Amino acid sequence: MFLLYYTVCNDICQDRMKNKKLEIRITNYQMTQLEQEAARRGMSKSELIRNLIAKFPEPKNDGA
């Protein structure tokens, strides 16, 4: 039972790992907007970006 739980938990955790890095270039004005909105919501800039991405539609499965 433990092995099954570990395998399922490990698979779920692997999908949730934040192991990708994104570099974007934005203006000072956009950075100010991002910083102020993140502060208003009580979260980090990264959390805000991830939160916005989470609202995107599910990705389409390309025939796999």
C-alpha atoms as a PDB file:
ATOM      1  CA  MET A   1       0.000   0.000   0.000  1.00  0.00           C
ATOM      2  CA  PHE A   2       2.819   2.407   0.881  1.00  0.00           C
ATOM      3  CA  LEU A   3       4.565   1.808  -2.462  1.00  0.00           C
ATOM      4  CA  LEU A   4       1.358   2.557  -4.379  1.00  0.00           C
ATOM      5  CA  TYR A   5       0.801   5.744  -2.352  1.00  0.00           C
ATOM      6  CA  TYR A   6       4.406   6.841  -2.869  1.00  0.00           C
ATOM      7  CA  THR A   7       4.207   6.215  -6.636  1.00  0.00           C
ATOM      8  CA  VAL A   8       0.958   8.148  -7.029  1.00  0.00           C
ATOM      9  CA  CYS A   9       2.165  10.971  -4.771  1.00  0.00           C
ATOM     10  CA  ASN A  10       5.503  11.101  -6.570  1.00  0.00           C
ATOM     11  CA  ASP A  11       3.783  11.323  -9.989  1.00  0.00           C
ATOM     12  CA  ILE A  12       1.550  14.160  -8.778  1.00  0.00           C
ATOM     13  CA  CYS A  13       4.470  16.002  -7.195  1.00  0.00           C
ATOM     14  CA  GLN A  14       6.549  15.675 -10.372  1.00  0.00           C
ATOM     15  CA  ASP A  15       3.816  17.482 -12.313  1.00  0.00           C
ATOM     16  CA  ARG A  16       3.777  20.318  -9.778  1.00  0.00           C
ATOM     17  CA  MET A  17       7.527  20.862  -9.533  1.00  0.00           C
ATOM     18  CA  LYS A  18       8.599  24.342 -10.486  1.00  0.00           C
ATOM     19  CA  ASN A  19      11.679  23.427 -12.475  1.00  0.00           C
ATOM     20  CA  LYS A  20      11.283  25.666 -15.535  1.00  0.00           C
ATOM     21  CA  LYS A  21      12.679  29.167 -15.702  1.00  0.00           C
ATOM     22  CA  LEU A  22      11.226  31.944 -17.839  1.00  0.00           C
ATOM     23  CA  GLU A  23      13.085  35.124 -18.667  1.00  0.00           C
ATOM     24  CA  ILE A  24      11.061  38.051 -19.995  1.00  0.00           C
ATOM     25  CA  ARG A  25      11.938  41.611 -20.815  1.00  0.00           C
ATOM     26  CA  ILE A  26       9.539  44.297 -19.666  1.00  0.00           C
ATOM     27  CA  THR A  27       9.638  48.058 -19.320  1.00  0.00           C
ATOM     28  CA  ASN A  28      10.119  49.907 -16.025  1.00  0.00           C
ATOM     29  CA  TYR A  29       6.447  50.862 -16.219  1.00  0.00           C
ATOM     30  CA  GLN A  30       5.373  47.210 -16.617  1.00  0.00           C
ATOM     31  CA  MET A  31       7.643  46.171 -13.728  1.00  0.00           C
ATOM     32  CA  THR A  32       6.038  48.824 -11.540  1.00  0.00           C
ATOM     33  CA  GLN A  33       2.599  47.548 -12.532  1.00  0.00           C
ATOM     34  CA  LEU A  34       3.624  43.971 -11.720  1.00  0.00           C
ATOM     35  CA  GLU A  35       5.196  44.899  -8.378  1.00  0.00           C
ATOM     36  CA  GLN A  36       2.218  46.992  -7.274  1.00  0.00           C
ATOM     37  CA  GLU A  37      -0.365  44.386  -8.294  1.00  0.00           C
ATOM     38  CA  ALA A  38       1.581  41.623  -6.563  1.00  0.00           C
ATOM     39  CA  ALA A  39       1.830  43.753  -3.411  1.00  0.00           C
ATOM     40  CA  ARG A  40      -1.879  44.590  -3.601  1.00  0.00           C
ATOM     41  CA  ARG A  41      -2.699  40.881  -3.740  1.00  0.00           C
ATOM     42  CA  GLY A  42      -0.172  39.984  -1.031  1.00  0.00           C
ATOM     43  CA  MET A  43       1.922  37.702  -3.212  1.00  0.00           C
ATOM     44  CA  SER A  44       5.273  37.658  -4.944  1.00  0.00           C
ATOM     45  CA  LYS A  45       5.685  38.675  -8.573  1.00  0.00           C
ATOM     46  CA  SER A  46       6.322  35.034  -9.494  1.00  0.00           C
ATOM     47  CA  GLU A  47       3.197  33.892  -7.664  1.00  0.00           C
ATOM     48  CA  LEU A  48       1.154  36.519  -9.499  1.00  0.00           C
ATOM     49  CA  ILE A  49       2.458  35.386 -12.888  1.00  0.00           C
ATOM     50  CA  ARG A  50       1.781  31.710 -12.046  1.00  0.00           C
ATOM     51  CA  ASN A  51      -1.702  32.668 -10.845  1.00  0.00           C
ATOM     52  CA  LEU A  52      -2.446  34.428 -14.128  1.00  0.00           C
ATOM     53  CA  ILE A  53      -1.124  31.477 -16.161  1.00  0.00           C
ATOM     54  CA  ALA A  54      -3.330  29.119 -14.140  1.00  0.00           C
ATOM     55  CA  LYS A  55      -6.364  30.938 -15.571  1.00  0.00           C
ATOM     56  CA  PHE A  56      -5.409  30.001 -19.153  1.00  0.00           C
ATOM     57  CA  PRO A  57      -7.441  27.232 -20.833  1.00  0.00           C
ATOM     58  CA  GLU A  58      -6.174  23.651 -20.610  1.00  0.00           C
ATOM     59  CA  PRO A  59      -3.545  22.932 -23.259  1.00  0.00           C
ATOM     60  CA  LYS A  60      -4.696  20.818 -26.179  1.00  0.00           C
ATOM     61  CA  ASN A  61      -3.317  17.297 -26.439  1.00  0.00           C
ATOM     62  CA  ASP A  62      -1.639  16.996 -29.847  1.00  0.00           C
ATOM     63  CA  GLY A  63      -2.723  13.462 -30.643  1.00  0.00           C
ATOM     64  CA  ALA A  64      -0.573  11.784 -28.018  1.00  0.00           C
END
